[in-house]
Amino acid sequence: MTSELCLFRHGRTTWNEAGRYQGWADIELDELGRRQADAIAERCKEIAPVAIYTSDLRRCVDVAELIAQACDLQAVRDVRLRERNVGKWSGLTRAEIAVQFAGEFQAWNKGDERVRPGGGETIGELNARIAQFLESVRSSGVTGAVVAVTHAGWIRSVPAVAFGNNFSRHNVGVPSQGSLTTWHFGDDGSLRLEAYNDRGHLLGIEGSVSEVPAPAIY
């Protein structure tokens, strides 16, 4: 059985820099994001994964392909690793959303799980995708570290899936671009959080570690 699941958030994009919600929009990495991707690939040489999975969105695929080259593996695209669908919010800033979708945005900020941002996904629908992916990794029969390249909203929601009603995505901070979050699978299939928002491999990349944490931009 898989012993470790290593979740990398993709590197920075121009929309991240501008504070625009991305959701399912297929935005590429910017120059800093590509440097972060190189650092992730180097980190994965140490991890020595036995499998690599990635969201099918370009900002994750480009990272996963670098990891695959570094580790001599094939990256498998999996739509379940996509970011939460934020519908018509995609491309907008928080300030713009607060004006154009005032009531919806207020409910979102209060943690109302019934909200479909911009007509997109509820948090329950995102969590269902996460649970399905975790179960497929847990039951895969492989032993070793599995790497998955995904998104901030996805990574931030895993604790609620793993720990149930005792935990909420609002209890954890937003993982930084390019960061690593590591989960351990117990013999009984349970999940234990080993590290969250690990940015050690990003040290020395200007703009990666010293930046002031931004609000959640999905």
N, C-alpha and C. Protein backbone atom coordinates (compact mmCIF):
# COMPACT_ATOMS: atom_id res chain seq x y z
N MET A 1 0.84 -1.19 0.00
CA MET A 1 0.00 0.00 0.00
C MET A 1 0.88 1.24 0.00
N THR A 2 0.44 2.26 -0.67
CA THR A 2 1.15 3.54 -0.68
C THR A 2 1.39 4.03 0.75
N SER A 3 2.59 4.49 1.04
CA SER A 3 2.88 4.98 2.38
C SER A 3 2.85 6.50 2.47
N GLU A 4 3.10 7.19 1.33
CA GLU A 4 3.15 8.64 1.36
C GLU A 4 2.44 9.24 0.15
N LEU A 5 1.74 10.33 0.38
CA LEU A 5 1.17 11.11 -0.71
C LEU A 5 1.73 12.52 -0.60
N CYS A 6 2.48 12.93 -1.61
CA CYS A 6 3.15 14.22 -1.62
C CYS A 6 2.41 15.15 -2.57
N LEU A 7 1.75 16.15 -2.01
CA LEU A 7 0.93 17.07 -2.80
C LEU A 7 1.70 18.37 -3.03
N PHE A 8 1.97 18.66 -4.29
CA PHE A 8 2.61 19.93 -4.65
C PHE A 8 1.58 20.87 -5.24
N ARG A 9 1.57 22.10 -4.75
CA ARG A 9 0.79 23.13 -5.44
C ARG A 9 1.61 23.61 -6.64
N HIS A 10 0.93 23.88 -7.74
CA HIS A 10 1.62 24.38 -8.93
C HIS A 10 2.33 25.70 -8.62
N GLY A 11 3.24 26.10 -9.50
CA GLY A 11 3.93 27.37 -9.36
C GLY A 11 3.03 28.55 -9.72
N ARG A 12 3.58 29.73 -9.59
CA ARG A 12 2.80 30.95 -9.78
C ARG A 12 2.41 31.17 -11.24
N THR A 13 1.24 31.76 -11.43
CA THR A 13 0.77 32.18 -12.74
C THR A 13 0.57 33.69 -12.74
N THR A 14 0.34 34.27 -13.91
CA THR A 14 0.07 35.70 -13.98
C THR A 14 -1.22 36.04 -13.24
N TRP A 15 -2.18 35.14 -13.25
CA TRP A 15 -3.44 35.39 -12.53
C TRP A 15 -3.23 35.32 -11.03
N ASN A 16 -2.35 34.44 -10.56
CA ASN A 16 -2.00 34.44 -9.14
C ASN A 16 -1.43 35.79 -8.74
N GLU A 17 -0.51 36.28 -9.55
CA GLU A 17 0.15 37.55 -9.26
C GLU A 17 -0.85 38.70 -9.25
N ALA A 18 -1.85 38.64 -10.13
CA ALA A 18 -2.84 39.71 -10.22
C ALA A 18 -3.99 39.52 -9.24
N GLY A 19 -4.00 38.40 -8.50
CA GLY A 19 -5.07 38.16 -7.54
C GLY A 19 -6.38 37.78 -8.19
N ARG A 20 -6.31 37.08 -9.33
CA ARG A 20 -7.53 36.68 -10.04
C ARG A 20 -7.84 35.21 -9.76
N TYR A 21 -9.09 34.93 -9.46
CA TYR A 21 -9.51 33.56 -9.25
C TYR A 21 -9.38 32.78 -10.56
N GLN A 22 -8.87 31.56 -10.48
CA GLN A 22 -8.60 30.78 -11.68
C GLN A 22 -9.61 29.66 -11.90
N GLY A 23 -9.83 28.85 -10.86
CA GLY A 23 -10.75 27.73 -11.04
C GLY A 23 -10.29 26.82 -12.16
N TRP A 24 -11.16 26.58 -13.13
CA TRP A 24 -10.83 25.67 -14.23
C TRP A 24 -10.22 26.38 -15.43
N ALA A 25 -9.97 27.68 -15.35
CA ALA A 25 -9.30 28.38 -16.44
C ALA A 25 -7.90 27.80 -16.61
N ASP A 26 -7.47 27.62 -17.86
CA ASP A 26 -6.21 26.93 -18.14
C ASP A 26 -5.09 27.96 -18.30
N ILE A 27 -4.60 28.47 -17.18
CA ILE A 27 -3.59 29.53 -17.16
C ILE A 27 -2.20 28.92 -16.99
N GLU A 28 -1.25 29.43 -17.74
CA GLU A 28 0.11 28.91 -17.69
C GLU A 28 0.92 29.52 -16.55
N LEU A 29 2.03 28.87 -16.22
CA LEU A 29 2.97 29.40 -15.24
C LEU A 29 3.63 30.67 -15.79
N ASP A 30 3.95 31.59 -14.87
CA ASP A 30 4.75 32.74 -15.28
C ASP A 30 6.23 32.42 -15.04
N GLU A 31 7.11 33.41 -15.20
CA GLU A 31 8.54 33.15 -15.08
C GLU A 31 8.91 32.62 -13.70
N LEU A 32 8.36 33.23 -12.65
CA LEU A 32 8.62 32.73 -11.30
C LEU A 32 8.06 31.33 -11.14
N GLY A 33 6.88 31.08 -11.66
CA GLY A 33 6.28 29.76 -11.57
C GLY A 33 7.13 28.69 -12.21
N ARG A 34 7.80 29.02 -13.30
CA ARG A 34 8.67 28.03 -13.96
C ARG A 34 9.91 27.75 -13.12
N ARG A 35 10.43 28.78 -12.45
CA ARG A 35 11.57 28.54 -11.55
C ARG A 35 11.14 27.68 -10.37
N GLN A 36 9.95 27.93 -9.86
CA GLN A 36 9.42 27.10 -8.78
C GLN A 36 9.24 25.66 -9.24
N ALA A 37 8.80 25.48 -10.49
CA ALA A 37 8.62 24.13 -11.03
C ALA A 37 9.95 23.39 -11.11
N ASP A 38 11.00 24.09 -11.50
CA ASP A 38 12.33 23.47 -11.54
C ASP A 38 12.75 23.01 -10.15
N ALA A 39 12.47 23.85 -9.14
CA ALA A 39 12.84 23.50 -7.77
C ALA A 39 12.02 22.30 -7.28
N ILE A 40 10.76 22.22 -7.66
CA ILE A 40 9.92 21.08 -7.30
C ILE A 40 10.50 19.80 -7.89
N ALA A 41 10.91 19.85 -9.15
CA ALA A 41 11.48 18.67 -9.79
C ALA A 41 12.73 18.20 -9.06
N GLU A 42 13.56 19.15 -8.63
CA GLU A 42 14.76 18.78 -7.88
C GLU A 42 14.38 18.14 -6.55
N ARG A 43 13.37 18.67 -5.88
CA ARG A 43 12.91 18.09 -4.61
C ARG A 43 12.42 16.66 -4.83
N CYS A 44 11.79 16.42 -5.94
CA CYS A 44 11.23 15.09 -6.20
C CYS A 44 12.31 14.05 -6.47
N LYS A 45 13.50 14.48 -6.87
CA LYS A 45 14.61 13.53 -6.99
C LYS A 45 14.92 12.91 -5.62
N GLU A 46 14.80 13.71 -4.56
CA GLU A 46 15.03 13.22 -3.20
C GLU A 46 13.88 12.33 -2.75
N ILE A 47 12.66 12.70 -3.13
CA ILE A 47 11.48 11.93 -2.73
C ILE A 47 11.46 10.57 -3.41
N ALA A 48 11.95 10.50 -4.65
CA ALA A 48 11.97 9.27 -5.45
C ALA A 48 10.58 8.63 -5.53
N PRO A 49 9.63 9.32 -6.12
CA PRO A 49 8.26 8.78 -6.18
C PRO A 49 8.16 7.54 -7.06
N VAL A 50 7.13 6.75 -6.77
CA VAL A 50 6.86 5.58 -7.60
C VAL A 50 5.77 5.88 -8.63
N ALA A 51 5.07 7.01 -8.46
CA ALA A 51 4.02 7.40 -9.40
C ALA A 51 3.81 8.90 -9.32
N ILE A 52 3.39 9.49 -10.43
CA ILE A 52 3.12 10.92 -10.50
C ILE A 52 1.74 11.14 -11.12
N TYR A 53 0.93 11.92 -10.43
CA TYR A 53 -0.39 12.29 -10.95
C TYR A 53 -0.48 13.81 -11.00
N THR A 54 -1.32 14.30 -11.89
CA THR A 54 -1.46 15.75 -12.02
C THR A 54 -2.85 16.15 -12.47
N SER A 55 -3.29 17.30 -12.00
CA SER A 55 -4.45 17.95 -12.59
C SER A 55 -4.18 18.11 -14.08
N ASP A 56 -5.23 18.10 -14.87
CA ASP A 56 -5.04 18.23 -16.32
C ASP A 56 -4.91 19.68 -16.77
N LEU A 57 -4.90 20.63 -15.84
CA LEU A 57 -4.74 22.03 -16.20
C LEU A 57 -3.25 22.35 -16.38
N ARG A 58 -2.96 23.19 -17.37
CA ARG A 58 -1.58 23.40 -17.82
C ARG A 58 -0.64 23.82 -16.70
N ARG A 59 -1.08 24.63 -15.75
CA ARG A 59 -0.19 25.11 -14.70
C ARG A 59 0.30 23.97 -13.81
N CYS A 60 -0.43 22.86 -13.79
CA CYS A 60 0.02 21.67 -13.06
C CYS A 60 0.75 20.70 -13.98
N VAL A 61 0.24 20.52 -15.20
CA VAL A 61 0.86 19.60 -16.14
C VAL A 61 2.32 19.96 -16.39
N ASP A 62 2.60 21.25 -16.55
CA ASP A 62 3.97 21.67 -16.83
C ASP A 62 4.92 21.32 -15.68
N VAL A 63 4.42 21.42 -14.45
CA VAL A 63 5.22 21.01 -13.29
C VAL A 63 5.42 19.49 -13.29
N ALA A 64 4.34 18.77 -13.51
CA ALA A 64 4.39 17.31 -13.47
C ALA A 64 5.33 16.74 -14.54
N GLU A 65 5.36 17.37 -15.70
CA GLU A 65 6.23 16.88 -16.77
C GLU A 65 7.70 17.06 -16.40
N LEU A 66 8.03 18.14 -15.70
CA LEU A 66 9.41 18.32 -15.23
C LEU A 66 9.76 17.27 -14.18
N ILE A 67 8.82 16.98 -13.29
CA ILE A 67 9.04 15.93 -12.28
C ILE A 67 9.26 14.59 -12.98
N ALA A 68 8.42 14.30 -13.98
CA ALA A 68 8.51 13.02 -14.70
C ALA A 68 9.88 12.87 -15.36
N GLN A 69 10.39 13.94 -15.96
CA GLN A 69 11.71 13.89 -16.59
C GLN A 69 12.79 13.65 -15.55
N ALA A 70 12.68 14.32 -14.41
CA ALA A 70 13.70 14.20 -13.37
C ALA A 70 13.71 12.82 -12.73
N CYS A 71 12.54 12.18 -12.68
CA CYS A 71 12.40 10.91 -11.96
C CYS A 71 12.19 9.72 -12.88
N ASP A 72 12.26 9.95 -14.19
CA ASP A 72 12.12 8.89 -15.19
C ASP A 72 10.81 8.12 -15.02
N LEU A 73 9.71 8.89 -14.93
CA LEU A 73 8.37 8.31 -14.80
C LEU A 73 7.43 9.00 -15.78
N GLN A 74 6.23 8.46 -15.92
CA GLN A 74 5.19 9.09 -16.70
C GLN A 74 4.20 9.79 -15.77
N ALA A 75 3.84 11.01 -16.10
CA ALA A 75 2.83 11.73 -15.31
C ALA A 75 1.44 11.40 -15.84
N VAL A 76 0.55 11.01 -14.94
CA VAL A 76 -0.82 10.63 -15.31
C VAL A 76 -1.76 11.80 -15.00
N ARG A 77 -2.48 12.26 -16.00
CA ARG A 77 -3.42 13.37 -15.80
C ARG A 77 -4.73 12.83 -15.22
N ASP A 78 -5.24 13.52 -14.22
CA ASP A 78 -6.45 13.08 -13.53
C ASP A 78 -7.32 14.30 -13.25
N VAL A 79 -8.50 14.35 -13.85
CA VAL A 79 -9.37 15.52 -13.71
C VAL A 79 -9.84 15.70 -12.27
N ARG A 80 -9.77 14.65 -11.46
CA ARG A 80 -10.19 14.77 -10.06
C ARG A 80 -9.27 15.70 -9.28
N LEU A 81 -8.07 15.95 -9.80
CA LEU A 81 -7.11 16.83 -9.15
C LEU A 81 -7.28 18.29 -9.53
N ARG A 82 -8.28 18.59 -10.36
CA ARG A 82 -8.53 19.98 -10.74
C ARG A 82 -8.90 20.83 -9.52
N GLU A 83 -8.66 22.13 -9.69
CA GLU A 83 -9.08 23.10 -8.69
C GLU A 83 -10.61 23.11 -8.61
N ARG A 84 -11.14 23.69 -7.54
CA ARG A 84 -12.58 23.88 -7.44
C ARG A 84 -13.07 24.76 -8.59
N ASN A 85 -14.15 24.37 -9.21
CA ASN A 85 -14.75 25.15 -10.29
C ASN A 85 -15.43 26.38 -9.69
N VAL A 86 -14.93 27.57 -10.07
CA VAL A 86 -15.52 28.79 -9.54
C VAL A 86 -16.37 29.52 -10.58
N GLY A 87 -16.72 28.83 -11.66
CA GLY A 87 -17.66 29.35 -12.63
C GLY A 87 -17.32 30.75 -13.12
N LYS A 88 -18.29 31.67 -13.02
CA LYS A 88 -18.15 33.03 -13.55
C LYS A 88 -17.23 33.90 -12.70
N TRP A 89 -16.77 33.38 -11.58
CA TRP A 89 -15.78 34.12 -10.80
C TRP A 89 -14.41 34.08 -11.49
N SER A 90 -14.20 33.10 -12.34
CA SER A 90 -12.89 32.90 -12.96
C SER A 90 -12.46 34.16 -13.71
N GLY A 91 -11.25 34.62 -13.42
CA GLY A 91 -10.70 35.81 -14.05
C GLY A 91 -10.96 37.08 -13.28
N LEU A 92 -11.76 37.01 -12.23
CA LEU A 92 -12.09 38.20 -11.44
C LEU A 92 -11.26 38.26 -10.16
N THR A 93 -11.06 39.47 -9.66
CA THR A 93 -10.41 39.67 -8.37
C THR A 93 -11.45 39.58 -7.26
N ARG A 94 -10.98 39.51 -6.02
CA ARG A 94 -11.90 39.50 -4.88
C ARG A 94 -12.77 40.74 -4.86
N ALA A 95 -12.16 41.89 -5.15
CA ALA A 95 -12.92 43.14 -5.13
C ALA A 95 -14.03 43.12 -6.19
N GLU A 96 -13.72 42.60 -7.36
CA GLU A 96 -14.71 42.53 -8.44
C GLU A 96 -15.83 41.56 -8.09
N ILE A 97 -15.46 40.42 -7.50
CA ILE A 97 -16.46 39.43 -7.11
C ILE A 97 -17.38 40.00 -6.04
N ALA A 98 -16.79 40.73 -5.08
CA ALA A 98 -17.58 41.30 -3.99
C ALA A 98 -18.65 42.25 -4.49
N VAL A 99 -18.41 42.87 -5.62
CA VAL A 99 -19.40 43.79 -6.21
C VAL A 99 -20.39 43.03 -7.09
N GLN A 100 -19.87 42.18 -7.96
CA GLN A 100 -20.71 41.52 -8.95
C GLN A 100 -21.52 40.35 -8.38
N PHE A 101 -21.02 39.73 -7.31
CA PHE A 101 -21.68 38.58 -6.70
C PHE A 101 -21.74 38.78 -5.19
N ALA A 102 -22.27 39.92 -4.77
CA ALA A 102 -22.17 40.34 -3.37
C ALA A 102 -22.71 39.30 -2.38
N GLY A 103 -23.96 38.87 -2.54
CA GLY A 103 -24.54 37.93 -1.60
C GLY A 103 -23.83 36.60 -1.59
N GLU A 104 -23.50 36.12 -2.77
CA GLU A 104 -22.80 34.84 -2.91
C GLU A 104 -21.43 34.90 -2.25
N PHE A 105 -20.75 36.03 -2.45
CA PHE A 105 -19.40 36.17 -1.91
C PHE A 105 -19.43 36.25 -0.39
N GLN A 106 -20.42 36.91 0.17
CA GLN A 106 -20.56 36.98 1.62
C GLN A 106 -20.78 35.59 2.21
N ALA A 107 -21.65 34.82 1.57
CA ALA A 107 -21.91 33.46 2.03
C ALA A 107 -20.65 32.60 1.94
N TRP A 108 -19.90 32.75 0.85
CA TRP A 108 -18.63 32.04 0.65
C TRP A 108 -17.67 32.33 1.80
N ASN A 109 -17.52 33.61 2.13
CA ASN A 109 -16.58 34.01 3.19
C ASN A 109 -17.01 33.51 4.56
N LYS A 110 -18.30 33.27 4.74
CA LYS A 110 -18.80 32.75 6.02
C LYS A 110 -18.72 31.23 6.07
N GLY A 111 -18.26 30.61 4.99
CA GLY A 111 -18.09 29.16 4.98
C GLY A 111 -19.34 28.38 4.64
N ASP A 112 -20.32 29.02 3.99
CA ASP A 112 -21.55 28.33 3.60
C ASP A 112 -21.23 27.29 2.53
N GLU A 113 -21.36 26.02 2.88
CA GLU A 113 -20.95 24.95 1.97
C GLU A 113 -21.94 24.72 0.83
N ARG A 114 -23.06 25.43 0.86
CA ARG A 114 -24.04 25.30 -0.22
C ARG A 114 -23.71 26.19 -1.41
N VAL A 115 -22.78 27.11 -1.22
CA VAL A 115 -22.46 28.09 -2.26
C VAL A 115 -21.83 27.42 -3.48
N ARG A 116 -22.34 27.81 -4.67
CA ARG A 116 -21.71 27.44 -5.93
C ARG A 116 -21.08 28.73 -6.49
N PRO A 117 -19.82 28.97 -6.23
CA PRO A 117 -19.22 30.24 -6.66
C PRO A 117 -19.32 30.42 -8.17
N GLY A 118 -19.99 31.47 -8.57
CA GLY A 118 -20.15 31.74 -9.99
C GLY A 118 -20.88 30.65 -10.74
N GLY A 119 -21.66 29.83 -10.01
CA GLY A 119 -22.34 28.71 -10.64
C GLY A 119 -21.49 27.46 -10.74
N GLY A 120 -20.34 27.45 -10.06
CA GLY A 120 -19.41 26.32 -10.11
C GLY A 120 -19.76 25.21 -9.13
N GLU A 121 -18.75 24.69 -8.44
CA GLU A 121 -18.91 23.53 -7.55
C GLU A 121 -19.17 23.94 -6.11
N THR A 122 -19.94 23.15 -5.41
CA THR A 122 -20.02 23.27 -3.96
C THR A 122 -18.77 22.66 -3.36
N ILE A 123 -18.50 22.98 -2.09
CA ILE A 123 -17.35 22.37 -1.43
C ILE A 123 -17.55 20.87 -1.30
N GLY A 124 -18.81 20.43 -1.16
CA GLY A 124 -19.08 19.00 -1.07
C GLY A 124 -18.72 18.26 -2.34
N GLU A 125 -18.94 18.89 -3.47
CA GLU A 125 -18.59 18.26 -4.74
C GLU A 125 -17.07 18.18 -4.92
N LEU A 126 -16.37 19.23 -4.49
CA LEU A 126 -14.91 19.17 -4.51
C LEU A 126 -14.42 18.07 -3.59
N ASN A 127 -14.95 18.01 -2.37
CA ASN A 127 -14.52 17.00 -1.41
C ASN A 127 -14.76 15.59 -1.91
N ALA A 128 -15.84 15.39 -2.66
CA ALA A 128 -16.13 14.07 -3.21
C ALA A 128 -15.05 13.66 -4.21
N ARG A 129 -14.59 14.60 -5.02
CA ARG A 129 -13.51 14.31 -5.96
C ARG A 129 -12.22 13.96 -5.21
N ILE A 130 -11.96 14.73 -4.16
CA ILE A 130 -10.77 14.48 -3.36
C ILE A 130 -10.82 13.09 -2.73
N ALA A 131 -11.96 12.75 -2.14
CA ALA A 131 -12.12 11.44 -1.50
C ALA A 131 -11.93 10.31 -2.50
N GLN A 132 -12.46 10.46 -3.70
CA GLN A 132 -12.30 9.42 -4.72
C GLN A 132 -10.84 9.25 -5.11
N PHE A 133 -10.13 10.36 -5.25
CA PHE A 133 -8.72 10.26 -5.61
C PHE A 133 -7.91 9.62 -4.49
N LEU A 134 -8.14 10.04 -3.26
CA LEU A 134 -7.41 9.47 -2.13
C LEU A 134 -7.63 7.97 -2.03
N GLU A 135 -8.87 7.54 -2.23
CA GLU A 135 -9.17 6.12 -2.15
C GLU A 135 -8.48 5.35 -3.28
N SER A 136 -8.42 5.93 -4.46
CA SER A 136 -7.76 5.23 -5.57
C SER A 136 -6.27 5.09 -5.31
N VAL A 137 -5.65 6.08 -4.68
CA VAL A 137 -4.23 5.98 -4.34
C VAL A 137 -4.04 4.96 -3.22
N ARG A 138 -4.89 5.04 -2.20
CA ARG A 138 -4.77 4.13 -1.05
C ARG A 138 -4.90 2.67 -1.48
N SER A 139 -5.80 2.41 -2.41
CA SER A 139 -6.08 1.02 -2.81
C SER A 139 -5.27 0.57 -4.03
N SER A 140 -4.31 1.39 -4.45
CA SER A 140 -3.57 1.08 -5.68
C SER A 140 -2.65 -0.13 -5.55
N GLY A 141 -2.23 -0.43 -4.33
CA GLY A 141 -1.35 -1.58 -4.12
C GLY A 141 0.12 -1.26 -4.25
N VAL A 142 0.47 -0.04 -4.68
CA VAL A 142 1.88 0.32 -4.80
C VAL A 142 2.42 0.72 -3.44
N THR A 143 3.73 0.57 -3.28
CA THR A 143 4.39 0.95 -2.03
C THR A 143 5.43 2.01 -2.32
N GLY A 144 5.40 3.08 -1.55
CA GLY A 144 6.35 4.17 -1.75
C GLY A 144 5.63 5.50 -1.77
N ALA A 145 6.31 6.50 -2.28
CA ALA A 145 5.76 7.86 -2.33
C ALA A 145 5.06 8.10 -3.66
N VAL A 146 3.87 8.66 -3.58
CA VAL A 146 3.12 9.09 -4.76
C VAL A 146 3.08 10.61 -4.76
N VAL A 147 3.45 11.21 -5.87
CA VAL A 147 3.42 12.67 -6.02
C VAL A 147 2.19 13.05 -6.82
N ALA A 148 1.50 14.10 -6.38
CA ALA A 148 0.37 14.66 -7.13
C ALA A 148 0.53 16.17 -7.20
N VAL A 149 0.38 16.73 -8.38
CA VAL A 149 0.47 18.17 -8.58
C VAL A 149 -0.95 18.71 -8.73
N THR A 150 -1.32 19.62 -7.84
CA THR A 150 -2.70 20.07 -7.81
C THR A 150 -2.76 21.55 -7.41
N HIS A 151 -3.83 21.96 -6.75
CA HIS A 151 -4.14 23.38 -6.56
C HIS A 151 -4.37 23.72 -5.09
N ALA A 152 -4.37 25.02 -4.79
CA ALA A 152 -4.49 25.48 -3.41
C ALA A 152 -5.79 25.02 -2.75
N GLY A 153 -6.93 25.24 -3.43
CA GLY A 153 -8.21 24.86 -2.85
C GLY A 153 -8.32 23.38 -2.61
N TRP A 154 -7.74 22.58 -3.50
CA TRP A 154 -7.75 21.12 -3.38
C TRP A 154 -6.96 20.71 -2.14
N ILE A 155 -5.72 21.19 -2.05
CA ILE A 155 -4.85 20.82 -0.93
C ILE A 155 -5.45 21.27 0.40
N ARG A 156 -6.02 22.45 0.40
CA ARG A 156 -6.57 23.01 1.63
C ARG A 156 -7.80 22.24 2.11
N SER A 157 -8.45 21.54 1.22
CA SER A 157 -9.66 20.80 1.57
C SER A 157 -9.41 19.37 2.02
N VAL A 158 -8.20 18.86 1.81
CA VAL A 158 -7.92 17.47 2.16
C VAL A 158 -8.12 17.19 3.65
N PRO A 159 -7.69 18.07 4.58
CA PRO A 159 -7.91 17.76 6.00
C PRO A 159 -9.37 17.52 6.35
N ALA A 160 -10.28 18.27 5.76
CA ALA A 160 -11.71 18.07 6.04
C ALA A 160 -12.17 16.71 5.56
N VAL A 161 -11.62 16.26 4.43
CA VAL A 161 -11.96 14.93 3.91
C VAL A 161 -11.36 13.85 4.80
N ALA A 162 -10.12 14.05 5.22
CA ALA A 162 -9.43 13.04 6.02
C ALA A 162 -9.97 12.92 7.44
N PHE A 163 -10.34 14.07 8.03
CA PHE A 163 -10.73 14.09 9.43
C PHE A 163 -12.22 14.29 9.66
N GLY A 164 -12.97 14.47 8.59
CA GLY A 164 -14.42 14.57 8.70
C GLY A 164 -14.87 15.86 9.33
N ASN A 165 -15.98 15.81 10.06
CA ASN A 165 -16.61 17.01 10.61
C ASN A 165 -15.79 17.72 11.67
N ASN A 166 -14.70 17.07 12.11
CA ASN A 166 -13.85 17.69 13.13
C ASN A 166 -12.90 18.73 12.55
N PHE A 167 -12.92 18.87 11.23
CA PHE A 167 -11.96 19.75 10.59
C PHE A 167 -12.61 20.48 9.43
N SER A 168 -12.12 21.65 9.11
CA SER A 168 -12.63 22.45 8.00
C SER A 168 -11.47 23.07 7.26
N ARG A 169 -11.65 23.34 5.97
CA ARG A 169 -10.59 24.00 5.22
C ARG A 169 -10.27 25.37 5.81
N HIS A 170 -11.20 25.96 6.56
CA HIS A 170 -10.97 27.26 7.18
C HIS A 170 -10.04 27.16 8.39
N ASN A 171 -9.73 25.94 8.82
CA ASN A 171 -8.81 25.74 9.94
C ASN A 171 -7.36 25.69 9.51
N VAL A 172 -7.10 25.75 8.21
CA VAL A 172 -5.73 25.69 7.71
C VAL A 172 -5.48 26.87 6.77
N GLY A 173 -4.23 27.29 6.70
CA GLY A 173 -3.88 28.38 5.81
C GLY A 173 -3.82 27.93 4.36
N VAL A 174 -3.66 28.90 3.47
CA VAL A 174 -3.57 28.63 2.04
C VAL A 174 -2.15 28.19 1.69
N PRO A 175 -1.96 27.01 1.10
CA PRO A 175 -0.61 26.58 0.73
C PRO A 175 -0.01 27.49 -0.33
N SER A 176 1.25 27.83 -0.17
CA SER A 176 1.92 28.73 -1.11
C SER A 176 2.16 28.06 -2.45
N GLN A 177 2.34 28.88 -3.47
CA GLN A 177 2.67 28.34 -4.79
C GLN A 177 3.97 27.57 -4.72
N GLY A 178 3.95 26.36 -5.26
CA GLY A 178 5.15 25.52 -5.29
C GLY A 178 5.41 24.74 -4.02
N SER A 179 4.56 24.88 -3.01
CA SER A 179 4.81 24.22 -1.72
C SER A 179 4.46 22.74 -1.75
N LEU A 180 4.95 22.03 -0.74
CA LEU A 180 4.74 20.59 -0.59
C LEU A 180 3.96 20.31 0.69
N THR A 181 2.92 19.50 0.57
CA THR A 181 2.17 18.99 1.72
C THR A 181 2.21 17.47 1.67
N THR A 182 2.60 16.86 2.78
CA THR A 182 2.82 15.41 2.80
C THR A 182 1.87 14.72 3.76
N TRP A 183 1.21 13.68 3.24
CA TRP A 183 0.32 12.84 4.02
C TRP A 183 0.86 11.42 4.08
N HIS A 184 0.65 10.76 5.22
CA HIS A 184 1.08 9.37 5.39
C HIS A 184 -0.15 8.47 5.52
N PHE A 185 -0.15 7.39 4.77
CA PHE A 185 -1.22 6.40 4.88
C PHE A 185 -0.85 5.36 5.94
N GLY A 186 -1.72 5.19 6.92
CA GLY A 186 -1.52 4.14 7.92
C GLY A 186 -1.88 2.78 7.36
N ASP A 187 -1.51 1.73 8.06
CA ASP A 187 -1.83 0.37 7.61
C ASP A 187 -3.33 0.14 7.51
N ASP A 188 -4.09 0.91 8.28
CA ASP A 188 -5.55 0.77 8.24
C ASP A 188 -6.19 1.70 7.20
N GLY A 189 -5.35 2.38 6.42
CA GLY A 189 -5.87 3.28 5.40
C GLY A 189 -6.10 4.69 5.88
N SER A 190 -5.89 4.95 7.17
CA SER A 190 -6.10 6.29 7.70
C SER A 190 -5.00 7.23 7.20
N LEU A 191 -5.28 8.53 7.24
CA LEU A 191 -4.33 9.53 6.80
C LEU A 191 -3.80 10.34 7.97
N ARG A 192 -2.49 10.60 7.97
CA ARG A 192 -1.86 11.44 8.98
C ARG A 192 -1.09 12.55 8.27
N LEU A 193 -1.31 13.78 8.67
CA LEU A 193 -0.62 14.91 8.07
C LEU A 193 0.80 14.99 8.62
N GLU A 194 1.78 14.88 7.73
CA GLU A 194 3.19 14.92 8.13
C GLU A 194 3.80 16.31 7.97
N ALA A 195 3.42 17.03 6.93
CA ALA A 195 3.97 18.37 6.68
C ALA A 195 2.98 19.16 5.84
N TYR A 196 2.87 20.45 6.15
CA TYR A 196 1.94 21.31 5.41
C TYR A 196 2.66 22.58 4.97
N ASN A 197 2.54 22.91 3.69
CA ASN A 197 3.11 24.14 3.15
C ASN A 197 4.62 24.20 3.33
N ASP A 198 5.29 23.08 3.09
CA ASP A 198 6.75 23.00 3.16
C ASP A 198 7.32 23.72 1.93
N ARG A 199 8.13 24.75 2.19
CA ARG A 199 8.69 25.55 1.10
C ARG A 199 10.22 25.52 1.10
N GLY A 200 10.79 24.53 1.77
CA GLY A 200 12.25 24.47 1.88
C GLY A 200 12.95 24.45 0.54
N HIS A 201 12.37 23.77 -0.44
CA HIS A 201 13.00 23.66 -1.76
C HIS A 201 12.93 24.97 -2.54
N LEU A 202 12.15 25.93 -2.05
CA LEU A 202 11.98 27.22 -2.74
C LEU A 202 12.90 28.30 -2.19
N LEU A 203 13.66 27.99 -1.13
CA LEU A 203 14.58 28.96 -0.56
C LEU A 203 15.57 29.43 -1.63
N GLY A 204 15.81 30.71 -1.69
CA GLY A 204 16.72 31.25 -2.68
C GLY A 204 16.05 31.69 -3.96
N ILE A 205 14.77 31.35 -4.12
CA ILE A 205 14.02 31.82 -5.29
C ILE A 205 13.27 33.07 -4.87
N GLU A 206 13.72 34.21 -5.33
CA GLU A 206 13.13 35.48 -4.91
C GLU A 206 11.64 35.52 -5.21
N GLY A 207 10.86 35.90 -4.20
CA GLY A 207 9.42 36.00 -4.37
C GLY A 207 8.66 34.76 -3.96
N SER A 208 9.38 33.68 -3.63
CA SER A 208 8.70 32.42 -3.29
C SER A 208 8.42 32.26 -1.82
N VAL A 209 9.38 32.62 -0.97
CA VAL A 209 9.28 32.32 0.46
C VAL A 209 9.06 33.57 1.29
N SER A 210 9.60 34.70 0.88
CA SER A 210 9.53 35.90 1.71
C SER A 210 8.25 36.71 1.49
N GLU A 211 7.44 36.29 0.50
CA GLU A 211 6.23 37.05 0.19
C GLU A 211 5.23 37.00 1.34
N VAL A 212 4.43 38.05 1.48
CA VAL A 212 3.35 38.07 2.46
C VAL A 212 2.24 37.14 1.97
N PRO A 213 1.76 36.21 2.81
CA PRO A 213 0.71 35.29 2.36
C PRO A 213 -0.52 36.05 1.85
N ALA A 214 -1.03 35.60 0.72
CA ALA A 214 -2.19 36.24 0.10
C ALA A 214 -3.46 35.49 0.46
N PRO A 215 -4.63 36.13 0.30
CA PRO A 215 -5.88 35.42 0.50
C PRO A 215 -5.99 34.23 -0.46
N ALA A 216 -6.90 33.32 -0.16
CA ALA A 216 -7.06 32.16 -1.03
C ALA A 216 -7.51 32.60 -2.40
N ILE A 217 -6.73 32.27 -3.41
CA ILE A 217 -7.09 32.53 -4.80
C ILE A 217 -7.14 31.18 -5.51
N TYR A 218 -8.32 30.72 -5.80
CA TYR A 218 -8.46 29.39 -6.38
C TYR A 218 -8.27 29.44 -7.89
